[in-house]
PDB file of N, CA and C in Angstrom:
ATOM      1  N   MET A   1      78.180  87.683  90.156  1.00  0.00           N
ATOM      2  CA  MET A   1      77.479  88.506  91.352  1.00  0.00           C
ATOM      3  C   MET A   1      77.962  88.948  92.513  1.00  0.00           C
ATOM      4  N   LYS A   2      78.203  89.927  93.450  1.00  0.00           N
ATOM      5  CA  LYS A   2      78.182  89.767  94.224  1.00  0.00           C
ATOM      6  C   LYS A   2      76.759  90.327  95.308  1.00  0.00           C
ATOM      7  N   THR A   3      76.745  89.686  96.637  1.00  0.00           N
ATOM      8  CA  THR A   3      75.474  89.621  97.100  1.00  0.00           C
ATOM      9  C   THR A   3      75.568  91.100  98.017  1.00  0.00           C
ATOM     10  N   SER A   4      74.799  92.096  98.131  1.00  0.00           N
ATOM     11  CA  SER A   4      74.626  93.287  98.540  1.00  0.00           C
ATOM     12  C   SER A   4      75.169  93.458  99.963  1.00  0.00           C
ATOM     13  N   TYR A   5      75.517  92.377 100.446  1.00  0.00           N
ATOM     14  CA  TYR A   5      76.266  92.490 102.020  1.00  0.00           C
ATOM     15  C   TYR A   5      77.516  92.457 101.723  1.00  0.00           C
ATOM     16  N   GLU A   6      77.976  91.670 100.696  1.00  0.00           N
ATOM     17  CA  GLU A   6      79.530  91.733 100.253  1.00  0.00           C
ATOM     18  C   GLU A   6      79.916  93.241  99.267  1.00  0.00           C
ATOM     19  N   ASN A   7      78.950  93.071  99.083  1.00  0.00           N
ATOM     20  CA  ASN A   7      79.296  95.260  99.112  1.00  0.00           C
ATOM     21  C   ASN A   7      78.913  95.728  99.836  1.00  0.00           C
ATOM     22  N   ASP A   8      78.407  95.662 100.828  1.00  0.00           N
ATOM     23  CA  ASP A   8      78.187  96.994 102.100  1.00  0.00           C
ATOM     24  C   ASP A   8      79.777  96.894 102.715  1.00  0.00           C
ATOM     25  N   ASN A   9      79.606  95.219 102.335  1.00  0.00           N
ATOM     26  CA  ASN A   9      81.413  95.590 103.286  1.00  0.00           C
ATOM     27  C   ASN A   9      82.799  95.825 102.861  1.00  0.00           C
ATOM     28  N   ILE A  10      82.920  95.969 101.217  1.00  0.00           N
ATOM     29  CA  ILE A  10      83.732  96.172 100.759  1.00  0.00           C
ATOM     30  C   ILE A  10      83.532  98.055 100.903  1.00  0.00           C
ATOM     31  N   GLU A  11      81.875  98.419 101.099  1.00  0.00           N
ATOM     32  CA  GLU A  11      82.267  99.414 101.246  1.00  0.00           C
ATOM     33  C   GLU A  11      82.460 100.071 102.759  1.00  0.00           C
ATOM     34  N   LEU A  12      82.422  99.613 103.986  1.00  0.00           N
ATOM     35  CA  LEU A  12      82.874 100.108 104.783  1.00  0.00           C
ATOM     36  C   LEU A  12      84.262  99.340 104.817  1.00  0.00           C
ATOM     37  N   THR A  13      84.887  98.607 105.076  1.00  0.00           N
ATOM     38  CA  THR A  13      86.503  98.666 104.496  1.00  0.00           C
ATOM     39  C   THR A  13      86.701  99.982 103.585  1.00  0.00           C
ATOM     40  N   TYR A  14      86.522 100.119 102.583  1.00  0.00           N
ATOM     41  CA  TYR A  14      87.134 101.510 102.239  1.00  0.00           C
ATOM     42  C   TYR A  14      87.287 102.385 102.855  1.00  0.00           C
ATOM     43  N   ILE A  15      85.617 102.676 103.334  1.00  0.00           N
ATOM     44  CA  ILE A  15      85.580 103.756 104.142  1.00  0.00           C
ATOM     45  C   ILE A  15      86.732 103.758 105.241  1.00  0.00           C
ATOM     46  N   CYS A  16      86.630 102.609 106.291  1.00  0.00           N
ATOM     47  CA  CYS A  16      87.534 102.389 107.014  1.00  0.00           C
ATOM     48  C   CYS A  16      88.529 102.944 107.125  1.00  0.00           C
ATOM     49  N   GLU A  17      89.148 102.770 105.775  1.00  0.00           N
ATOM     50  CA  GLU A  17      90.385 102.868 105.545  1.00  0.00           C
ATOM     51  C   GLU A  17      91.138 104.259 105.123  1.00  0.00           C
ATOM     52  N   LYS A  18      89.608 104.821 104.423  1.00  0.00           N
ATOM     53  CA  LYS A  18      90.104 106.503 103.831  1.00  0.00           C
ATOM     54  C   LYS A  18      90.278 107.109 105.390  1.00  0.00           C
ATOM     55  N   ILE A  19      89.488 106.356 106.335  1.00  0.00           N
ATOM     56  CA  ILE A  19      89.726 107.104 108.123  1.00  0.00           C
ATOM     57  C   ILE A  19      91.089 107.235 108.370  1.00  0.00           C
ATOM     58  N   ASN A  20      90.975 105.529 109.044  1.00  0.00           N
ATOM     59  CA  ASN A  20      92.434 105.600 108.776  1.00  0.00           C
ATOM     60  C   ASN A  20      93.690 106.564 108.013  1.00  0.00           C
ATOM     61  N   HIS A  21      93.656 106.573 106.849  1.00  0.00           N
ATOM     62  CA  HIS A  21      94.369 107.199 105.905  1.00  0.00           C
ATOM     63  C   HIS A  21      94.902 108.884 106.651  1.00  0.00           C
ATOM     64  N   ILE A  22      93.097 109.170 106.496  1.00  0.00           N
ATOM     65  CA  ILE A  22      93.368 110.553 107.352  1.00  0.00           C
ATOM     66  C   ILE A  22      93.404 111.089 109.026  1.00  0.00           C
ATOM     67  N   ASP A  23      93.481 110.085 109.603  1.00  0.00           N
ATOM     68  CA  ASP A  23      93.647 109.816 110.869  1.00  0.00           C
ATOM     69  C   ASP A  23      95.407 110.061 111.113  1.00  0.00           C
ATOM     70  N   LYS A  24      95.716 109.317 110.583  1.00  0.00           N
ATOM     71  CA  LYS A  24      97.610 109.116 109.695  1.00  0.00           C
ATOM     72  C   LYS A  24      98.031 110.409 109.677  1.00  0.00           C
ATOM     73  N   ILE A  25      97.533 111.268 108.649  1.00  0.00           N
ATOM     74  CA  ILE A  25      97.752 112.376 108.033  1.00  0.00           C
ATOM     75  C   ILE A  25      97.750 113.561 108.953  1.00  0.00           C
ATOM     76  N   ASN A  26      96.269 113.704 110.066  1.00  0.00           N
ATOM     77  CA  ASN A  26      96.642 114.432 111.076  1.00  0.00           C
ATOM     78  C   ASN A  26      97.524 114.198 112.196  1.00  0.00           C
ATOM     79  N   ASN A  27      97.835 113.361 112.282  1.00  0.00           N
ATOM     80  CA  ASN A  27      98.867 112.451 113.157  1.00  0.00           C
ATOM     81  C   ASN A  27      99.643 113.100 113.236  1.00  0.00           C
ATOM     82  N   ILE A  28     100.728 113.237 111.865  1.00  0.00           N
ATOM     83  CA  ILE A  28     101.638 113.339 111.521  1.00  0.00           C
ATOM     84  C   ILE A  28     102.124 114.831 111.377  1.00  0.00           C
ATOM     85  N   ASN A  29     100.829 116.013 110.748  1.00  0.00           N
ATOM     86  CA  ASN A  29     100.332 116.983 111.153  1.00  0.00           C
ATOM     87  C   ASN A  29     100.932 117.504 112.714  1.00  0.00           C
ATOM     88  N   LEU A  30     100.223 116.632 113.300  1.00  0.00           N
ATOM     89  CA  LEU A  30     100.058 116.785 115.266  1.00  0.00           C
ATOM     90  C   LEU A  30     101.709 117.068 115.280  1.00  0.00           C
ATOM     91  N   ASN A  31     102.562 115.792 114.577  1.00  0.00           N
ATOM     92  CA  ASN A  31     103.785 115.178 115.618  1.00  0.00           C
ATOM     93  C   ASN A  31     104.301 117.083 115.428  1.00  0.00           C
ATOM     94  N   PHE A  32     104.593 117.287 114.045  1.00  0.00           N
ATOM     95  CA  PHE A  32     105.292 118.051 112.696  1.00  0.00           C
ATOM     96  C   PHE A  32     105.068 119.710 113.410  1.00  0.00           C
ATOM     97  N   ASN A  33     103.687 119.715 114.065  1.00  0.00           N
ATOM     98  CA  ASN A  33     103.797 120.844 114.909  1.00  0.00           C
ATOM     99  C   ASN A  33     103.813 121.013 116.416  1.00  0.00           C
ATOM    100  N   ILE A  34     104.027 120.124 116.728  1.00  0.00           N
ATOM    101  CA  ILE A  34     104.826 120.091 117.774  1.00  0.00           C
ATOM    102  C   ILE A  34     106.002 120.008 118.220  1.00  0.00           C
ATOM    103  N   ILE A  35     106.460 119.203 116.837  1.00  0.00           N
ATOM    104  CA  ILE A  35     107.976 119.342 116.752  1.00  0.00           C
ATOM    105  C   ILE A  35     108.984 120.676 116.198  1.00  0.00           C
ATOM    106  N   LYS A  36     107.776 121.824 115.688  1.00  0.00           N
ATOM    107  CA  LYS A  36     108.193 122.828 114.911  1.00  0.00           C
ATOM    108  C   LYS A  36     107.939 123.625 116.862  1.00  0.00           C
ATOM    109  N   LYS A  37     107.461 123.610 117.283  1.00  0.00           N
ATOM    110  CA  LYS A  37     107.447 124.589 118.309  1.00  0.00           C
ATOM    111  C   LYS A  37     108.620 124.578 119.409  1.00  0.00           C
TER     112      LYS A  37
END
């Protein structure tokens, strides 16, 4: 059994990775829009 503390850490890590992924996609879209202009 994991402690709730470990579970929270795993959740946070997962959320952070999701946010990072979204950031990367946004950056790619921004760069693409700049290139198109």
